[in-house]
Amino acid sequence: MNTVATVKLDLYPERTYNIDFIAYPDHFFMIYQYQKGNILHCMTVKMDADAKKWPSR
């Protein structure tokens, strides 16, 4: 496996605690947790193979 490109993701906040990836052949999910105030949030983003947000349908 070789690195094709390095993509800087700026969609998650600074106080991010955990990032996980679930990969599929044509897309992947990025699941991340961040803290805002005293509340811990969990968010999911679906992206294509080029690390661009998957269009919502």
N, C-alpha and C. Protein backbone atom coordinates (compact mmCIF):
# COMPACT_ATOMS: atom_id res chain seq x y z
N MET A 1 0.85 -1.16 0.00
CA MET A 1 0.00 0.00 0.00
C MET A 1 0.90 1.23 0.00
N ASN A 2 0.56 2.20 -0.85
CA ASN A 2 1.32 3.44 -0.95
C ASN A 2 0.43 4.63 -0.67
N THR A 3 1.01 5.70 -0.15
CA THR A 3 0.28 6.94 0.08
C THR A 3 0.08 7.65 -1.25
N VAL A 4 -1.17 7.93 -1.58
CA VAL A 4 -1.49 8.62 -2.83
C VAL A 4 -1.48 10.13 -2.63
N ALA A 5 -2.08 10.57 -1.52
CA ALA A 5 -2.15 12.01 -1.22
C ALA A 5 -2.34 12.19 0.28
N THR A 6 -1.91 13.33 0.76
CA THR A 6 -2.15 13.70 2.15
C THR A 6 -3.19 14.81 2.14
N VAL A 7 -4.32 14.56 2.80
CA VAL A 7 -5.42 15.52 2.82
C VAL A 7 -5.62 16.01 4.24
N LYS A 8 -5.53 17.33 4.43
CA LYS A 8 -5.75 17.91 5.76
C LYS A 8 -7.25 18.10 5.96
N LEU A 9 -7.77 17.47 7.00
CA LEU A 9 -9.19 17.58 7.32
C LEU A 9 -9.39 18.67 8.35
N ASP A 10 -10.26 19.63 8.05
CA ASP A 10 -10.49 20.74 8.98
C ASP A 10 -11.93 20.75 9.49
N LEU A 11 -12.61 19.64 9.41
CA LEU A 11 -14.01 19.62 9.79
C LEU A 11 -14.26 19.27 11.25
N TYR A 12 -13.26 18.84 11.97
CA TYR A 12 -13.47 18.51 13.38
C TYR A 12 -12.81 19.56 14.28
N PRO A 13 -13.38 19.78 15.47
CA PRO A 13 -12.89 20.82 16.39
C PRO A 13 -11.52 20.49 17.00
N GLU A 14 -10.94 21.47 17.68
CA GLU A 14 -9.62 21.30 18.30
C GLU A 14 -9.61 20.26 19.40
N ARG A 15 -10.61 20.25 20.25
CA ARG A 15 -10.64 19.34 21.40
C ARG A 15 -11.25 18.00 21.01
N THR A 16 -10.63 17.34 20.05
CA THR A 16 -11.10 16.03 19.59
C THR A 16 -10.36 14.96 20.37
N TYR A 17 -11.11 13.98 20.89
CA TYR A 17 -10.54 12.96 21.76
C TYR A 17 -10.30 11.63 21.07
N ASN A 18 -11.11 11.28 20.11
CA ASN A 18 -11.00 9.96 19.50
C ASN A 18 -11.47 10.05 18.06
N ILE A 19 -10.72 9.45 17.14
CA ILE A 19 -11.13 9.39 15.74
C ILE A 19 -10.98 7.95 15.28
N ASP A 20 -12.04 7.40 14.71
CA ASP A 20 -12.02 6.04 14.17
C ASP A 20 -12.48 6.09 12.72
N PHE A 21 -11.99 5.13 11.93
CA PHE A 21 -12.36 5.03 10.53
C PHE A 21 -12.94 3.65 10.26
N ILE A 22 -14.01 3.62 9.49
CA ILE A 22 -14.60 2.37 9.01
C ILE A 22 -14.56 2.44 7.49
N ALA A 23 -13.76 1.55 6.88
CA ALA A 23 -13.51 1.63 5.45
C ALA A 23 -14.35 0.64 4.66
N TYR A 24 -14.82 1.09 3.51
CA TYR A 24 -15.53 0.28 2.52
C TYR A 24 -14.82 0.47 1.18
N PRO A 25 -15.12 -0.33 0.17
CA PRO A 25 -14.40 -0.20 -1.11
C PRO A 25 -14.48 1.18 -1.76
N ASP A 26 -15.61 1.87 -1.69
CA ASP A 26 -15.75 3.15 -2.39
C ASP A 26 -15.95 4.35 -1.48
N HIS A 27 -15.99 4.15 -0.17
CA HIS A 27 -16.16 5.26 0.78
C HIS A 27 -15.69 4.82 2.15
N PHE A 28 -15.70 5.76 3.10
CA PHE A 28 -15.38 5.42 4.48
C PHE A 28 -16.14 6.35 5.42
N PHE A 29 -16.30 5.93 6.65
CA PHE A 29 -16.91 6.73 7.70
C PHE A 29 -15.81 7.17 8.66
N MET A 30 -15.83 8.44 9.04
CA MET A 30 -14.95 8.93 10.08
C MET A 30 -15.83 9.26 11.28
N ILE A 31 -15.58 8.61 12.38
CA ILE A 31 -16.33 8.82 13.61
C ILE A 31 -15.41 9.51 14.60
N TYR A 32 -15.84 10.66 15.11
CA TYR A 32 -14.98 11.40 16.03
C TYR A 32 -15.77 11.90 17.23
N GLN A 33 -15.07 12.07 18.33
CA GLN A 33 -15.65 12.59 19.57
C GLN A 33 -14.93 13.89 19.93
N TYR A 34 -15.71 14.88 20.35
CA TYR A 34 -15.11 16.14 20.77
C TYR A 34 -15.89 16.69 21.97
N GLN A 35 -15.23 17.54 22.71
CA GLN A 35 -15.85 18.14 23.89
C GLN A 35 -16.16 19.60 23.62
N LYS A 36 -17.39 20.00 23.96
CA LYS A 36 -17.80 21.40 23.87
C LYS A 36 -18.43 21.73 25.21
N GLY A 37 -17.78 22.58 25.96
CA GLY A 37 -18.21 22.85 27.33
C GLY A 37 -17.92 21.61 28.17
N ASN A 38 -18.94 21.12 28.86
CA ASN A 38 -18.74 19.88 29.63
C ASN A 38 -19.51 18.71 29.01
N ILE A 39 -19.85 18.82 27.71
CA ILE A 39 -20.58 17.77 27.00
C ILE A 39 -19.67 17.14 25.95
N LEU A 40 -19.65 15.81 25.91
CA LEU A 40 -18.88 15.07 24.92
C LEU A 40 -19.81 14.69 23.77
N HIS A 41 -19.48 15.11 22.55
CA HIS A 41 -20.29 14.85 21.37
C HIS A 41 -19.64 13.77 20.51
N CYS A 42 -20.45 13.00 19.80
CA CYS A 42 -19.97 11.99 18.87
C CYS A 42 -20.59 12.28 17.51
N MET A 43 -19.75 12.41 16.48
CA MET A 43 -20.23 12.75 15.14
C MET A 43 -19.68 11.74 14.12
N THR A 44 -20.38 11.62 13.00
CA THR A 44 -19.96 10.73 11.92
C THR A 44 -19.99 11.51 10.61
N VAL A 45 -18.98 11.31 9.78
CA VAL A 45 -18.91 11.92 8.46
C VAL A 45 -18.64 10.81 7.45
N LYS A 46 -19.42 10.80 6.38
CA LYS A 46 -19.20 9.83 5.30
C LYS A 46 -18.41 10.53 4.20
N MET A 47 -17.30 9.91 3.77
CA MET A 47 -16.43 10.52 2.76
C MET A 47 -16.16 9.54 1.63
N ASP A 48 -15.87 10.09 0.45
CA ASP A 48 -15.52 9.23 -0.67
C ASP A 48 -14.05 8.84 -0.60
N ALA A 49 -13.56 8.15 -1.59
CA ALA A 49 -12.19 7.64 -1.58
C ALA A 49 -11.14 8.76 -1.63
N ASP A 50 -11.54 9.97 -2.05
CA ASP A 50 -10.62 11.12 -2.11
C ASP A 50 -10.73 12.01 -0.88
N ALA A 51 -11.38 11.53 0.18
CA ALA A 51 -11.56 12.25 1.45
C ALA A 51 -12.38 13.51 1.28
N LYS A 52 -13.36 13.47 0.38
CA LYS A 52 -14.32 14.56 0.22
C LYS A 52 -15.65 14.10 0.79
N LYS A 53 -16.38 15.00 1.41
CA LYS A 53 -17.67 14.63 2.00
C LYS A 53 -18.57 14.01 0.94
N TRP A 54 -19.17 12.89 1.34
CA TRP A 54 -20.09 12.17 0.46
C TRP A 54 -21.36 13.01 0.29
N PRO A 55 -21.86 13.15 -0.91
CA PRO A 55 -23.09 13.95 -1.06
C PRO A 55 -24.28 13.29 -0.37
N SER A 56 -25.05 14.08 0.33
CA SER A 56 -26.24 13.54 1.00
C SER A 56 -27.36 13.36 -0.02
N ARG A 57 -28.16 12.36 0.21
CA ARG A 57 -29.25 12.08 -0.74
C ARG A 57 -30.57 12.32 -0.12
